Amino acid sequence: MKKGISFQIILIFIILFGWNLLHLGYEYQKDVFEDNISASPMMLLSMQENTLEQLKLKIESSNYIKDIIIIEDSIIAQTLINNYNLEDSDEILRSYLLPTAMQINFVGEKFYIEQKLELERTLLEYSPAVIHYFDNANWQDNQNKISFLTNGYYIGFGLFIIFILFISIFLRIHFEMKSNVFWKIYHSSGGQIGKRRKQFFVNSLYLCFIPLILNVAIYYALIYFQLLHIEIDYRFFGVELLTLAISSLFAGIALGENLK
């Protein structure tokens, strides 16, 4: 029986490890897509610098905005001169009235469709004094990738729950039934009544906590030694523990009279 419990602990540990890899892989790839959104700022142009200042004050407190940079017309002129070697046209270029620019950098993980629509409604209030340019195609492409990734993650998450429930319940019943002969001899020789049920409960604690604690220890060790930079919500480990507890409960119900 001890070999059976050890085998189950190892198998459950491997399954939980794979489950954690699924979560880490999801978070990593999601961060990549969100970083792509963050790397694509919105540019606004206006001949009225005060208007851009007012707009900045109105939106800069939004949680999906990382920072806002106002670029004055004199800086734009100097940038054009430096980038395109227009030193000979310096005076001519500076004589033109250039617009003031404003760059909005976003927090990719918070800039979704609701936030984008909110910002666009605000910008409409300042139109046509303010013109904005944004790579909508890049934003939409990354949003689609995030949606596809999330759907796949939820499917994988559900499959892991079903798989671990099936394997855990099946193995518990299998090894408990194999020990029926031992427990019959134990009871017929005057063994303690209820001993088997108590042992089943103790084994359930082993199966619930040992594989989970090992996985949690590995995760936090990798975090501590800075070998892993992706964080897992602690509630995720709670879901794993709950799944293992439910599997033990169902196995106990299925065994019924055998645990006497």
Protein backbone atom coordinates (compact mmCIF):
# COMPACT_ATOMS: atom_id res chain seq x y z
CA MET A 1 0.00 0.00 0.00
CA LYS A 2 2.88 2.37 0.77
CA LYS A 3 4.23 1.81 -2.73
CA GLY A 4 0.79 2.63 -4.10
CA ILE A 5 0.63 5.93 -2.18
CA SER A 6 4.17 6.84 -3.25
CA PHE A 7 3.29 6.12 -6.88
CA GLN A 8 0.17 8.31 -6.64
CA ILE A 9 2.11 11.15 -5.00
CA ILE A 10 4.71 11.11 -7.79
CA LEU A 11 2.07 10.96 -10.52
CA ILE A 12 -0.01 13.78 -9.01
CA PHE A 13 3.15 15.86 -8.57
CA ILE A 14 3.94 15.46 -12.29
CA ILE A 15 0.38 16.40 -13.30
CA LEU A 16 0.40 19.47 -11.04
CA PHE A 17 3.80 20.43 -12.44
CA GLY A 18 2.36 20.29 -15.96
CA TRP A 19 -0.66 22.31 -14.81
CA ASN A 20 1.66 24.99 -13.43
CA LEU A 21 3.63 25.03 -16.69
CA LEU A 22 0.38 25.66 -18.56
CA HIS A 23 -0.33 28.65 -16.34
CA LEU A 24 3.21 30.03 -16.59
CA GLY A 25 3.21 29.60 -20.37
CA TYR A 26 -0.08 31.45 -20.61
CA GLU A 27 1.14 34.34 -18.47
CA TYR A 28 4.41 34.57 -20.40
CA GLN A 29 2.78 34.69 -23.83
CA LYS A 30 0.08 37.08 -22.62
CA ASP A 31 2.82 39.42 -21.35
CA VAL A 32 4.42 39.35 -24.82
CA PHE A 33 1.19 40.46 -26.50
CA GLU A 34 0.55 43.12 -23.86
CA ASP A 35 4.10 44.44 -24.26
CA ASN A 36 3.41 44.77 -28.00
CA ILE A 37 0.45 46.99 -27.14
CA SER A 38 2.54 49.03 -24.70
CA ALA A 39 5.20 49.53 -27.39
CA SER A 40 2.68 51.20 -29.72
CA PRO A 41 1.90 54.72 -28.43
CA MET A 42 -0.78 57.09 -29.65
CA MET A 43 0.40 60.37 -31.18
CA LEU A 44 -1.72 63.53 -31.07
CA LEU A 45 -1.13 66.78 -32.95
CA SER A 46 -2.62 70.19 -32.35
CA MET A 47 -1.79 73.78 -33.21
CA GLN A 48 -3.04 74.73 -29.74
CA GLU A 49 -0.70 73.60 -26.98
CA ASN A 50 -3.18 74.62 -24.28
CA THR A 51 -5.72 72.20 -25.70
CA LEU A 52 -3.28 69.33 -25.37
CA GLU A 53 -2.48 70.39 -21.81
CA GLN A 54 -6.19 70.30 -20.96
CA LEU A 55 -6.55 66.88 -22.56
CA LYS A 56 -3.55 65.59 -20.64
CA LEU A 57 -5.02 66.72 -17.32
CA LYS A 58 -8.28 64.99 -18.15
CA ILE A 59 -6.90 61.55 -19.04
CA GLU A 60 -3.54 61.17 -17.29
CA SER A 61 -5.09 59.64 -14.15
CA SER A 62 -6.57 56.73 -16.14
CA ASN A 63 -5.06 53.42 -15.02
CA TYR A 64 -4.49 52.25 -18.61
CA ILE A 65 -2.17 55.19 -19.36
CA LYS A 66 1.47 54.73 -18.44
CA ASP A 67 2.62 58.28 -19.16
CA ILE A 68 1.97 61.26 -21.41
CA ILE A 69 4.70 63.31 -23.06
CA ILE A 70 4.06 66.71 -24.67
CA ILE A 71 6.55 67.61 -27.41
CA GLU A 72 6.70 71.33 -28.18
CA ASP A 73 6.89 72.64 -31.75
CA SER A 74 10.49 73.83 -31.26
CA ILE A 75 11.55 70.30 -30.33
CA ILE A 76 9.75 68.91 -33.38
CA ALA A 77 11.60 71.36 -35.59
CA GLN A 78 14.95 70.41 -34.07
CA THR A 79 14.14 66.71 -34.47
CA LEU A 80 13.37 67.19 -38.16
CA ILE A 81 16.62 69.11 -38.63
CA ASN A 82 18.68 66.41 -36.89
CA ASN A 83 16.98 63.41 -38.49
CA TYR A 84 16.97 64.68 -42.06
CA ASN A 85 20.17 66.79 -42.10
CA LEU A 86 18.30 70.04 -42.69
CA GLU A 87 20.88 72.35 -41.09
CA ASP A 88 20.91 74.54 -44.20
CA SER A 89 17.16 75.00 -43.88
CA ASP A 90 17.27 75.67 -40.16
CA GLU A 91 15.95 79.23 -40.26
CA ILE A 92 13.31 78.44 -42.88
CA LEU A 93 12.01 75.43 -40.96
CA ARG A 94 11.87 77.33 -37.69
CA SER A 95 9.86 80.08 -39.36
CA TYR A 96 7.01 77.66 -40.01
CA LEU A 97 4.30 77.23 -37.41
CA LEU A 98 4.54 73.57 -36.44
CA PRO A 99 1.99 71.70 -34.33
CA THR A 100 2.61 70.59 -30.77
CA ALA A 101 2.65 66.82 -30.36
CA MET A 102 1.56 64.64 -27.46
CA GLN A 103 2.55 61.00 -27.03
CA ILE A 104 0.40 58.65 -24.96
CA ASN A 105 2.06 55.46 -23.76
CA PHE A 106 -0.29 52.71 -22.62
CA VAL A 107 -0.26 49.97 -20.00
CA GLY A 108 -0.82 47.01 -22.32
CA GLU A 109 -2.39 44.75 -19.70
CA LYS A 110 -5.12 47.32 -19.00
CA PHE A 111 -5.75 48.85 -22.43
CA TYR A 112 -8.65 46.76 -23.72
CA ILE A 113 -11.67 47.58 -25.85
CA GLU A 114 -13.59 49.35 -23.05
CA GLN A 115 -10.64 51.62 -22.28
CA LYS A 116 -9.95 52.30 -25.96
CA LEU A 117 -13.56 53.33 -26.57
CA GLU A 118 -13.48 55.54 -23.47
CA LEU A 119 -10.36 57.31 -24.75
CA GLU A 120 -11.80 57.73 -28.24
CA ARG A 121 -14.97 59.31 -26.81
CA THR A 122 -12.80 61.79 -24.91
CA LEU A 123 -10.78 62.60 -28.03
CA LEU A 124 -13.97 63.34 -29.95
CA GLU A 125 -14.64 66.19 -27.53
CA TYR A 126 -11.40 67.83 -28.71
CA SER A 127 -11.87 67.20 -32.42
CA PRO A 128 -11.01 68.77 -34.87
CA ALA A 129 -8.52 70.81 -32.80
CA VAL A 130 -6.68 67.60 -31.96
CA ILE A 131 -5.74 64.96 -34.52
CA HIS A 132 -4.62 61.54 -33.30
CA TYR A 133 -2.70 58.70 -34.92
CA PHE A 134 -2.73 55.17 -33.57
CA ASP A 135 -1.83 51.74 -34.97
CA ASN A 136 -5.28 50.21 -34.62
CA ALA A 137 -4.31 47.17 -36.68
CA ASN A 138 -1.48 46.28 -34.27
CA TRP A 139 -3.74 46.79 -31.25
CA GLN A 140 -6.54 44.66 -32.73
CA ASP A 141 -4.13 41.92 -33.81
CA ASN A 142 -2.70 41.60 -30.30
CA GLN A 143 -6.17 41.71 -28.75
CA ASN A 144 -7.25 38.85 -31.02
CA LYS A 145 -4.15 36.87 -30.03
CA ILE A 146 -4.86 37.46 -26.34
CA SER A 147 -8.48 36.30 -26.77
CA PHE A 148 -7.40 33.17 -28.65
CA LEU A 149 -4.70 32.45 -26.06
CA THR A 150 -7.12 32.94 -23.16
CA ASN A 151 -9.73 30.62 -24.67
CA GLY A 152 -7.08 27.95 -25.18
CA TYR A 153 -5.87 28.43 -21.62
CA TYR A 154 -9.36 27.98 -20.15
CA ILE A 155 -9.86 24.81 -22.20
CA GLY A 156 -6.51 23.45 -21.02
CA PHE A 157 -7.33 24.47 -17.44
CA GLY A 158 -10.60 22.55 -17.56
CA LEU A 159 -8.96 19.50 -19.12
CA PHE A 160 -6.34 19.42 -16.37
CA ILE A 161 -9.09 19.46 -13.72
CA ILE A 162 -10.95 16.61 -15.43
CA PHE A 163 -7.74 14.63 -15.96
CA ILE A 164 -6.49 14.95 -12.39
CA LEU A 165 -9.93 14.07 -10.99
CA PHE A 166 -10.15 10.98 -13.20
CA ILE A 167 -6.61 9.77 -12.48
CA SER A 168 -6.78 10.46 -8.74
CA ILE A 169 -10.15 8.80 -8.23
CA PHE A 170 -9.27 5.81 -10.41
CA LEU A 171 -5.94 5.18 -8.69
CA ARG A 172 -7.37 5.59 -5.18
CA ILE A 173 -10.08 3.05 -5.88
CA HIS A 174 -7.63 0.70 -7.63
CA PHE A 175 -5.10 0.59 -4.79
CA GLU A 176 -7.75 0.47 -2.06
CA MET A 177 -9.44 -2.52 -3.72
CA LYS A 178 -6.06 -4.25 -4.00
CA SER A 179 -5.67 -3.92 -0.23
CA ASN A 180 -9.03 -5.57 0.56
CA VAL A 181 -7.38 -8.91 1.41
CA PHE A 182 -5.01 -7.23 3.86
CA TRP A 183 -7.81 -5.42 5.65
CA LYS A 184 -9.97 -8.57 5.85
CA ILE A 185 -7.12 -10.40 7.56
CA TYR A 186 -6.52 -7.37 9.79
CA HIS A 187 -10.15 -7.25 10.94
CA SER A 188 -10.51 -11.02 11.33
CA SER A 189 -7.46 -11.04 13.61
CA GLY A 190 -9.07 -8.47 15.91
CA GLY A 191 -7.72 -5.29 14.38
CA GLN A 192 -9.07 -1.90 15.41
CA ILE A 193 -12.46 -1.06 13.92
CA GLY A 194 -12.39 2.08 11.78
CA LYS A 195 -8.63 1.83 11.26
CA ARG A 196 -9.01 1.58 7.48
CA ARG A 197 -11.13 4.73 7.26
CA LYS A 198 -8.61 6.64 9.37
CA GLN A 199 -5.78 5.40 7.18
CA PHE A 200 -7.71 6.46 4.08
CA PHE A 201 -8.07 9.96 5.55
CA VAL A 202 -4.34 10.15 6.38
CA ASN A 203 -3.42 8.97 2.89
CA SER A 204 -5.76 11.60 1.45
CA LEU A 205 -3.85 14.28 3.34
CA TYR A 206 -0.58 12.94 1.93
CA LEU A 207 -1.95 12.96 -1.61
CA CYS A 208 -3.44 16.45 -1.29
CA PHE A 209 -0.56 18.24 0.37
CA ILE A 210 2.75 16.56 -0.52
CA PRO A 211 2.55 17.00 -4.34
CA LEU A 212 1.18 20.53 -3.94
CA ILE A 213 3.78 21.60 -1.37
CA LEU A 214 6.58 20.29 -3.60
CA ASN A 215 5.26 22.29 -6.56
CA VAL A 216 4.81 25.43 -4.47
CA ALA A 217 8.33 25.02 -3.04
CA ILE A 218 9.83 24.68 -6.53
CA TYR A 219 7.93 27.76 -7.74
CA TYR A 220 8.99 30.00 -4.85
CA ALA A 221 12.58 28.71 -5.01
CA LEU A 222 12.74 29.75 -8.67
CA ILE A 223 11.27 33.14 -7.75
CA TYR A 224 13.69 33.58 -4.84
CA PHE A 225 16.76 32.80 -6.93
CA GLN A 226 15.40 35.02 -9.74
CA LEU A 227 15.27 32.14 -12.21
CA LEU A 228 11.59 32.81 -12.85
CA HIS A 229 10.00 36.24 -13.29
CA ILE A 230 6.41 35.22 -13.94
CA GLU A 231 4.12 35.29 -10.92
CA ILE A 232 1.32 32.83 -10.20
CA ASP A 233 -1.72 34.05 -8.30
CA TYR A 234 -1.73 32.15 -4.98
CA ARG A 235 -5.42 31.37 -5.53
CA PHE A 236 -4.34 29.10 -8.38
CA PHE A 237 -2.70 26.78 -5.84
CA GLY A 238 -5.95 26.86 -3.89
CA VAL A 239 -7.78 25.54 -6.97
CA GLU A 240 -5.26 22.70 -7.20
CA LEU A 241 -5.75 21.81 -3.53
CA LEU A 242 -9.54 21.93 -3.89
CA THR A 243 -9.38 19.63 -6.94
CA LEU A 244 -7.30 17.08 -5.04
CA ALA A 245 -9.62 17.27 -2.02
CA ILE A 246 -12.67 16.69 -4.23
CA SER A 247 -11.00 13.66 -5.84
CA SER A 248 -10.38 12.14 -2.39
CA LEU A 249 -13.97 12.83 -1.38
CA PHE A 250 -15.37 11.17 -4.50
CA ALA A 251 -13.03 8.21 -4.08
CA GLY A 252 -14.22 7.78 -0.49
CA ILE A 253 -17.86 7.89 -1.58
CA ALA A 254 -17.20 5.36 -4.36
CA LEU A 255 -15.46 2.95 -1.98
CA GLY A 256 -18.32 3.18 0.50
CA GLU A 257 -18.58 0.03 2.60
CA ASN A 258 -15.06 -1.05 1.72
CA LEU A 259 -13.63 1.53 4.12
CA LYS A 260 -15.21 0.00 7.21
